[in-house]
């Protein structure tokens, strides 16, 4: 759409300070949002954007789980203070093996998603 055409052309023709005040960051965000709405009208772009957002959320979830497991390993498994308060298994060695297997099992799908992203 040509909703912001006046501001853009006015800024390009005479980039004075008074025009820059009109063309602030807020206006730039509206222009970006207008471009996103225009691009998302195309089904292929919209579908690919949703896939990328979903993939990124899976990576965020993996990061969160990795941080929680890191805190758990340091605070409970490697410390003698909370040895009786283990969450997963009551044996430290079994808990470490379980966490290692869990970490590898979580890492494999993420690696495949990365590989698929690079391939396309």
N, C-alpha and C. Protein backbone atom coordinates (compact mmCIF):
# COMPACT_ATOMS: atom_id res chain seq x y z
N UNK A 1 0.84 -1.18 0.00
CA UNK A 1 0.00 0.00 0.00
C UNK A 1 0.88 1.24 0.00
N UNK A 2 0.31 2.35 -0.32
CA UNK A 2 1.03 3.62 -0.35
C UNK A 2 0.72 4.47 0.87
N UNK A 3 0.49 3.82 1.96
CA UNK A 3 0.08 4.51 3.18
C UNK A 3 1.16 5.48 3.67
N UNK A 4 2.43 5.12 3.54
CA UNK A 4 3.52 5.94 4.05
C UNK A 4 4.36 6.57 2.93
N UNK A 5 3.83 6.59 1.74
CA UNK A 5 4.58 7.11 0.60
C UNK A 5 4.96 8.58 0.80
N UNK A 6 4.04 9.36 1.33
CA UNK A 6 4.31 10.79 1.52
C UNK A 6 5.50 11.01 2.45
N UNK A 7 5.54 10.32 3.58
CA UNK A 7 6.65 10.50 4.53
C UNK A 7 7.98 10.02 3.94
N UNK A 8 7.95 8.92 3.23
CA UNK A 8 9.19 8.39 2.66
C UNK A 8 9.74 9.32 1.59
N UNK A 9 8.90 9.74 0.67
CA UNK A 9 9.38 10.61 -0.41
C UNK A 9 9.79 11.97 0.14
N UNK A 10 9.10 12.48 1.13
CA UNK A 10 9.47 13.76 1.73
C UNK A 10 10.84 13.64 2.40
N UNK A 11 11.11 12.52 3.05
CA UNK A 11 12.39 12.32 3.72
C UNK A 11 13.52 12.14 2.70
N UNK A 12 13.26 11.47 1.61
CA UNK A 12 14.29 11.24 0.59
C UNK A 12 14.63 12.54 -0.14
N UNK A 13 13.61 13.35 -0.45
CA UNK A 13 13.85 14.58 -1.21
C UNK A 13 14.59 15.64 -0.40
N UNK A 14 14.25 15.78 0.86
CA UNK A 14 14.91 16.81 1.68
C UNK A 14 15.14 16.26 3.09
N UNK A 15 16.27 15.62 3.31
CA UNK A 15 16.54 15.01 4.62
C UNK A 15 17.00 16.03 5.66
N UNK A 16 16.18 17.06 5.90
CA UNK A 16 16.49 18.04 6.95
C UNK A 16 16.10 17.47 8.31
N UNK A 17 16.55 18.14 9.33
CA UNK A 17 16.28 17.66 10.70
C UNK A 17 14.79 17.65 11.01
N UNK A 18 14.04 18.63 10.52
CA UNK A 18 12.61 18.68 10.80
C UNK A 18 11.89 17.48 10.16
N UNK A 19 12.35 17.07 8.97
CA UNK A 19 11.75 15.90 8.33
C UNK A 19 12.15 14.62 9.04
N UNK A 20 13.34 14.60 9.60
CA UNK A 20 13.78 13.41 10.32
C UNK A 20 12.94 13.18 11.57
N UNK A 21 12.47 14.26 12.18
CA UNK A 21 11.62 14.11 13.35
C UNK A 21 10.31 13.41 12.99
N UNK A 22 9.78 13.72 11.81
CA UNK A 22 8.56 13.04 11.37
C UNK A 22 8.83 11.57 11.06
N UNK A 23 10.01 11.31 10.55
CA UNK A 23 10.38 9.96 10.10
C UNK A 23 11.14 9.26 11.23
N UNK A 24 10.52 9.11 12.35
CA UNK A 24 11.19 8.54 13.51
C UNK A 24 11.09 7.01 13.51
N UNK A 25 11.59 6.42 14.56
CA UNK A 25 11.60 4.95 14.65
C UNK A 25 10.18 4.38 14.66
N UNK A 26 9.25 5.11 15.25
CA UNK A 26 7.88 4.63 15.32
C UNK A 26 7.30 4.47 13.91
N UNK A 27 7.56 5.43 13.05
CA UNK A 27 7.08 5.36 11.67
C UNK A 27 7.76 4.21 10.94
N UNK A 28 9.04 3.99 11.21
CA UNK A 28 9.75 2.89 10.56
C UNK A 28 9.14 1.55 10.94
N UNK A 29 8.71 1.41 12.20
CA UNK A 29 8.06 0.16 12.61
C UNK A 29 6.73 -0.04 11.89
N UNK A 30 5.98 1.05 11.70
CA UNK A 30 4.73 0.93 10.96
C UNK A 30 4.97 0.52 9.51
N UNK A 31 6.04 1.06 8.92
CA UNK A 31 6.39 0.68 7.54
C UNK A 31 6.77 -0.80 7.49
N UNK A 32 7.56 -1.24 8.46
CA UNK A 32 7.92 -2.66 8.52
C UNK A 32 6.68 -3.54 8.68
N UNK A 33 5.76 -3.12 9.55
CA UNK A 33 4.54 -3.89 9.75
C UNK A 33 3.71 -3.92 8.46
N UNK A 34 3.64 -2.80 7.74
CA UNK A 34 2.92 -2.78 6.47
C UNK A 34 3.55 -3.73 5.46
N UNK A 35 4.88 -3.77 5.43
CA UNK A 35 5.56 -4.70 4.52
C UNK A 35 5.26 -6.15 4.91
N UNK A 36 5.27 -6.44 6.21
CA UNK A 36 4.98 -7.81 6.66
C UNK A 36 3.56 -8.21 6.27
N UNK A 37 2.60 -7.32 6.46
CA UNK A 37 1.22 -7.63 6.06
C UNK A 37 1.13 -7.88 4.56
N UNK A 38 1.85 -7.07 3.78
CA UNK A 38 1.86 -7.26 2.33
C UNK A 38 2.48 -8.60 1.96
N UNK A 39 3.61 -8.93 2.57
CA UNK A 39 4.31 -10.18 2.24
C UNK A 39 3.50 -11.39 2.67
N UNK A 40 2.82 -11.30 3.81
CA UNK A 40 2.08 -12.46 4.33
C UNK A 40 0.80 -12.74 3.55
N UNK A 41 0.44 -11.88 2.62
CA UNK A 41 -0.70 -12.19 1.75
C UNK A 41 -0.37 -13.35 0.82
N UNK A 42 0.91 -13.54 0.54
CA UNK A 42 1.36 -14.67 -0.25
C UNK A 42 1.38 -15.91 0.65
N UNK A 43 0.67 -16.96 0.28
CA UNK A 43 0.55 -18.15 1.12
C UNK A 43 1.89 -18.84 1.37
N UNK A 44 2.74 -18.87 0.37
CA UNK A 44 4.04 -19.53 0.54
C UNK A 44 4.90 -18.78 1.55
N UNK A 45 4.89 -17.46 1.50
CA UNK A 45 5.66 -16.66 2.45
C UNK A 45 5.09 -16.84 3.85
N UNK A 46 3.77 -16.80 3.98
CA UNK A 46 3.13 -16.96 5.29
C UNK A 46 3.45 -18.33 5.89
N UNK A 47 3.32 -19.37 5.08
CA UNK A 47 3.58 -20.73 5.56
C UNK A 47 5.04 -20.90 6.00
N UNK A 48 5.96 -20.37 5.21
CA UNK A 48 7.38 -20.46 5.55
C UNK A 48 7.68 -19.65 6.82
N UNK A 49 7.04 -18.49 6.97
CA UNK A 49 7.23 -17.69 8.18
C UNK A 49 6.74 -18.43 9.42
N UNK A 50 5.61 -19.09 9.30
CA UNK A 50 5.09 -19.87 10.44
C UNK A 50 6.03 -21.02 10.78
N UNK A 51 6.56 -21.69 9.75
CA UNK A 51 7.52 -22.77 10.00
C UNK A 51 8.76 -22.27 10.71
N UNK A 52 9.27 -21.14 10.29
CA UNK A 52 10.47 -20.58 10.90
C UNK A 52 10.19 -20.18 12.36
N UNK A 53 9.05 -19.55 12.60
CA UNK A 53 8.69 -19.17 13.98
C UNK A 53 8.55 -20.40 14.86
N UNK A 54 7.92 -21.46 14.34
CA UNK A 54 7.77 -22.69 15.11
C UNK A 54 9.13 -23.32 15.40
N UNK A 55 10.01 -23.34 14.42
CA UNK A 55 11.34 -23.90 14.61
C UNK A 55 12.12 -23.10 15.65
N UNK A 56 12.02 -21.79 15.57
CA UNK A 56 12.71 -20.94 16.54
C UNK A 56 12.19 -21.16 17.95
N UNK A 57 10.89 -21.38 18.09
CA UNK A 57 10.34 -21.65 19.42
C UNK A 57 10.81 -22.99 19.97
N UNK A 58 11.00 -23.96 19.09
CA UNK A 58 11.55 -25.25 19.53
C UNK A 58 12.98 -25.05 20.03
N UNK A 59 13.77 -24.24 19.33
CA UNK A 59 15.14 -23.95 19.78
C UNK A 59 15.12 -23.19 21.11
N UNK A 60 14.17 -22.27 21.30
CA UNK A 60 14.05 -21.56 22.57
C UNK A 60 13.70 -22.51 23.71
N UNK A 61 12.80 -23.44 23.44
CA UNK A 61 12.43 -24.43 24.45
C UNK A 61 13.64 -25.30 24.81
N UNK A 62 14.41 -25.68 23.81
CA UNK A 62 15.62 -26.48 24.06
C UNK A 62 16.61 -25.69 24.91
N UNK A 63 16.78 -24.42 24.62
CA UNK A 63 17.69 -23.59 25.40
C UNK A 63 17.22 -23.51 26.86
N UNK A 64 15.92 -23.32 27.05
CA UNK A 64 15.37 -23.23 28.41
C UNK A 64 15.59 -24.55 29.16
N UNK A 65 15.30 -25.67 28.51
CA UNK A 65 15.51 -26.97 29.16
C UNK A 65 16.98 -27.21 29.47
N UNK A 66 17.87 -26.80 28.57
CA UNK A 66 19.30 -26.96 28.80
C UNK A 66 19.75 -26.14 30.00
N UNK A 67 19.25 -24.93 30.12
CA UNK A 67 19.63 -24.11 31.28
C UNK A 67 19.10 -24.70 32.58
N UNK A 68 17.86 -25.18 32.57
CA UNK A 68 17.29 -25.79 33.78
C UNK A 68 18.06 -27.04 34.16
N UNK A 69 18.40 -27.86 33.17
CA UNK A 69 19.18 -29.07 33.48
C UNK A 69 20.58 -28.71 33.97
N UNK A 70 21.17 -27.65 33.45
CA UNK A 70 22.48 -27.22 33.93
C UNK A 70 22.43 -26.80 35.39
N UNK A 71 21.41 -26.05 35.75
CA UNK A 71 21.25 -25.65 37.15
C UNK A 71 21.01 -26.88 38.02
N UNK A 72 20.20 -27.82 37.54
CA UNK A 72 19.93 -29.04 38.29
C UNK A 72 21.21 -29.85 38.50
N UNK A 73 22.00 -29.96 37.46
CA UNK A 73 23.25 -30.73 37.56
C UNK A 73 24.19 -30.08 38.59
N UNK A 74 24.34 -28.77 38.51
CA UNK A 74 25.26 -28.09 39.42
C UNK A 74 24.73 -28.08 40.86
N UNK A 75 23.46 -27.74 41.03
CA UNK A 75 22.92 -27.60 42.38
C UNK A 75 22.63 -28.91 43.09
N UNK A 76 22.27 -29.94 42.35
CA UNK A 76 21.84 -31.18 43.00
C UNK A 76 22.80 -32.34 42.78
N UNK A 77 23.25 -32.54 41.55
CA UNK A 77 24.07 -33.72 41.28
C UNK A 77 25.53 -33.53 41.65
N UNK A 78 26.05 -32.35 41.46
CA UNK A 78 27.47 -32.13 41.77
C UNK A 78 27.69 -31.56 43.17
N UNK A 79 26.62 -31.30 43.87
CA UNK A 79 26.71 -30.74 45.22
C UNK A 79 26.35 -31.81 46.24
N UNK A 80 26.99 -31.74 47.38
CA UNK A 80 26.67 -32.68 48.46
C UNK A 80 25.55 -32.17 49.36
N UNK A 81 25.20 -30.91 49.25
CA UNK A 81 24.17 -30.32 50.11
C UNK A 81 22.79 -30.93 49.85
N UNK A 82 22.42 -31.01 48.58
CA UNK A 82 21.05 -31.43 48.22
C UNK A 82 21.03 -32.85 47.65
N UNK A 83 21.89 -33.70 48.11
CA UNK A 83 21.97 -35.06 47.55
C UNK A 83 20.70 -35.85 47.80
N UNK A 84 19.99 -35.56 48.86
CA UNK A 84 18.77 -36.33 49.17
C UNK A 84 17.55 -35.78 48.43
N UNK A 85 17.68 -34.63 47.75
CA UNK A 85 16.54 -34.01 47.09
C UNK A 85 16.59 -34.16 45.57
N UNK A 86 17.08 -35.24 45.06
CA UNK A 86 17.16 -35.44 43.61
C UNK A 86 15.77 -35.55 43.02
N UNK A 87 15.55 -34.93 41.87
CA UNK A 87 14.24 -34.90 41.24
C UNK A 87 13.97 -36.15 40.42
N UNK A 88 14.89 -36.52 39.56
CA UNK A 88 14.63 -37.54 38.55
C UNK A 88 14.79 -38.93 39.13
N UNK A 89 15.97 -39.28 39.48
CA UNK A 89 16.25 -40.57 40.11
C UNK A 89 16.99 -40.30 41.42
N UNK A 90 16.96 -41.23 42.31
CA UNK A 90 17.58 -41.02 43.62
C UNK A 90 19.07 -41.31 43.64
N UNK A 91 19.61 -41.82 42.54
CA UNK A 91 21.03 -42.12 42.42
C UNK A 91 21.67 -41.06 41.51
N UNK A 92 22.80 -40.49 41.93
CA UNK A 92 23.44 -39.44 41.15
C UNK A 92 23.93 -39.95 39.80
N UNK A 93 24.54 -41.11 39.80
CA UNK A 93 25.07 -41.65 38.55
C UNK A 93 23.94 -41.93 37.55
N UNK A 94 22.88 -42.55 38.00
CA UNK A 94 21.73 -42.82 37.12
C UNK A 94 21.11 -41.52 36.61
N UNK A 95 21.05 -40.52 37.47
CA UNK A 95 20.50 -39.23 37.05
C UNK A 95 21.37 -38.59 35.97
N UNK A 96 22.68 -38.64 36.14
CA UNK A 96 23.57 -38.07 35.12
C UNK A 96 23.45 -38.80 33.78
N UNK A 97 23.37 -40.12 33.82
CA UNK A 97 23.21 -40.90 32.58
C UNK A 97 21.88 -40.57 31.92
N UNK A 98 20.82 -40.46 32.71
CA UNK A 98 19.51 -40.13 32.16
C UNK A 98 19.51 -38.74 31.53
N UNK A 99 20.14 -37.79 32.19
CA UNK A 99 20.21 -36.43 31.65
C UNK A 99 21.05 -36.41 30.37
N UNK A 100 22.13 -37.16 30.33
CA UNK A 100 22.97 -37.22 29.12
C UNK A 100 22.17 -37.80 27.94
N UNK A 101 21.45 -38.88 28.18
CA UNK A 101 20.63 -39.49 27.11
C UNK A 101 19.53 -38.52 26.68
N UNK A 102 18.90 -37.88 27.64
CA UNK A 102 17.83 -36.92 27.35
C UNK A 102 18.37 -35.75 26.52
N UNK A 103 19.57 -35.26 26.86
CA UNK A 103 20.18 -34.16 26.13
C UNK A 103 20.49 -34.55 24.69
N UNK A 104 21.03 -35.73 24.50
CA UNK A 104 21.33 -36.19 23.14
C UNK A 104 20.05 -36.40 22.35
N UNK A 105 19.02 -36.96 22.98
CA UNK A 105 17.75 -37.18 22.28
C UNK A 105 17.08 -35.86 21.91
N UNK A 106 17.27 -34.82 22.72
CA UNK A 106 16.74 -33.50 22.36
C UNK A 106 17.57 -32.83 21.28
N UNK A 107 18.86 -33.10 21.29
CA UNK A 107 19.75 -32.45 20.35
C UNK A 107 19.57 -32.98 18.93
N UNK A 108 19.28 -34.25 18.77
CA UNK A 108 19.18 -34.84 17.43
C UNK A 108 18.10 -34.19 16.55
N UNK A 109 16.86 -34.02 17.02
CA UNK A 109 15.87 -33.35 16.16
C UNK A 109 16.26 -31.92 15.82
N UNK A 110 16.89 -31.22 16.76
CA UNK A 110 17.31 -29.85 16.48
C UNK A 110 18.41 -29.83 15.42
N UNK A 111 19.29 -30.79 15.48
CA UNK A 111 20.33 -30.90 14.46
C UNK A 111 19.70 -31.18 13.10
N UNK A 112 18.73 -32.04 13.04
CA UNK A 112 18.05 -32.33 11.78
C UNK A 112 17.31 -31.10 11.24
N UNK A 113 16.70 -30.31 12.14
CA UNK A 113 16.04 -29.08 11.70
C UNK A 113 17.06 -28.10 11.13
N UNK A 114 18.21 -27.97 11.77
CA UNK A 114 19.26 -27.11 11.24
C UNK A 114 19.76 -27.59 9.90
N UNK A 115 19.96 -28.89 9.78
CA UNK A 115 20.44 -29.47 8.53
C UNK A 115 19.44 -29.23 7.42
N UNK A 116 18.16 -29.37 7.72
CA UNK A 116 17.12 -29.16 6.73
C UNK A 116 17.07 -27.68 6.32
N UNK A 117 17.29 -26.78 7.27
CA UNK A 117 17.27 -25.35 6.96
C UNK A 117 18.42 -24.98 6.03
N UNK A 118 19.61 -25.54 6.28
CA UNK A 118 20.76 -25.24 5.44
C UNK A 118 20.59 -25.85 4.06
N UNK A 119 19.97 -27.01 4.01
CA UNK A 119 19.79 -27.71 2.74
C UNK A 119 18.84 -26.97 1.80
N UNK A 120 17.81 -26.30 2.34
CA UNK A 120 16.82 -25.63 1.47
C UNK A 120 17.21 -24.25 1.10
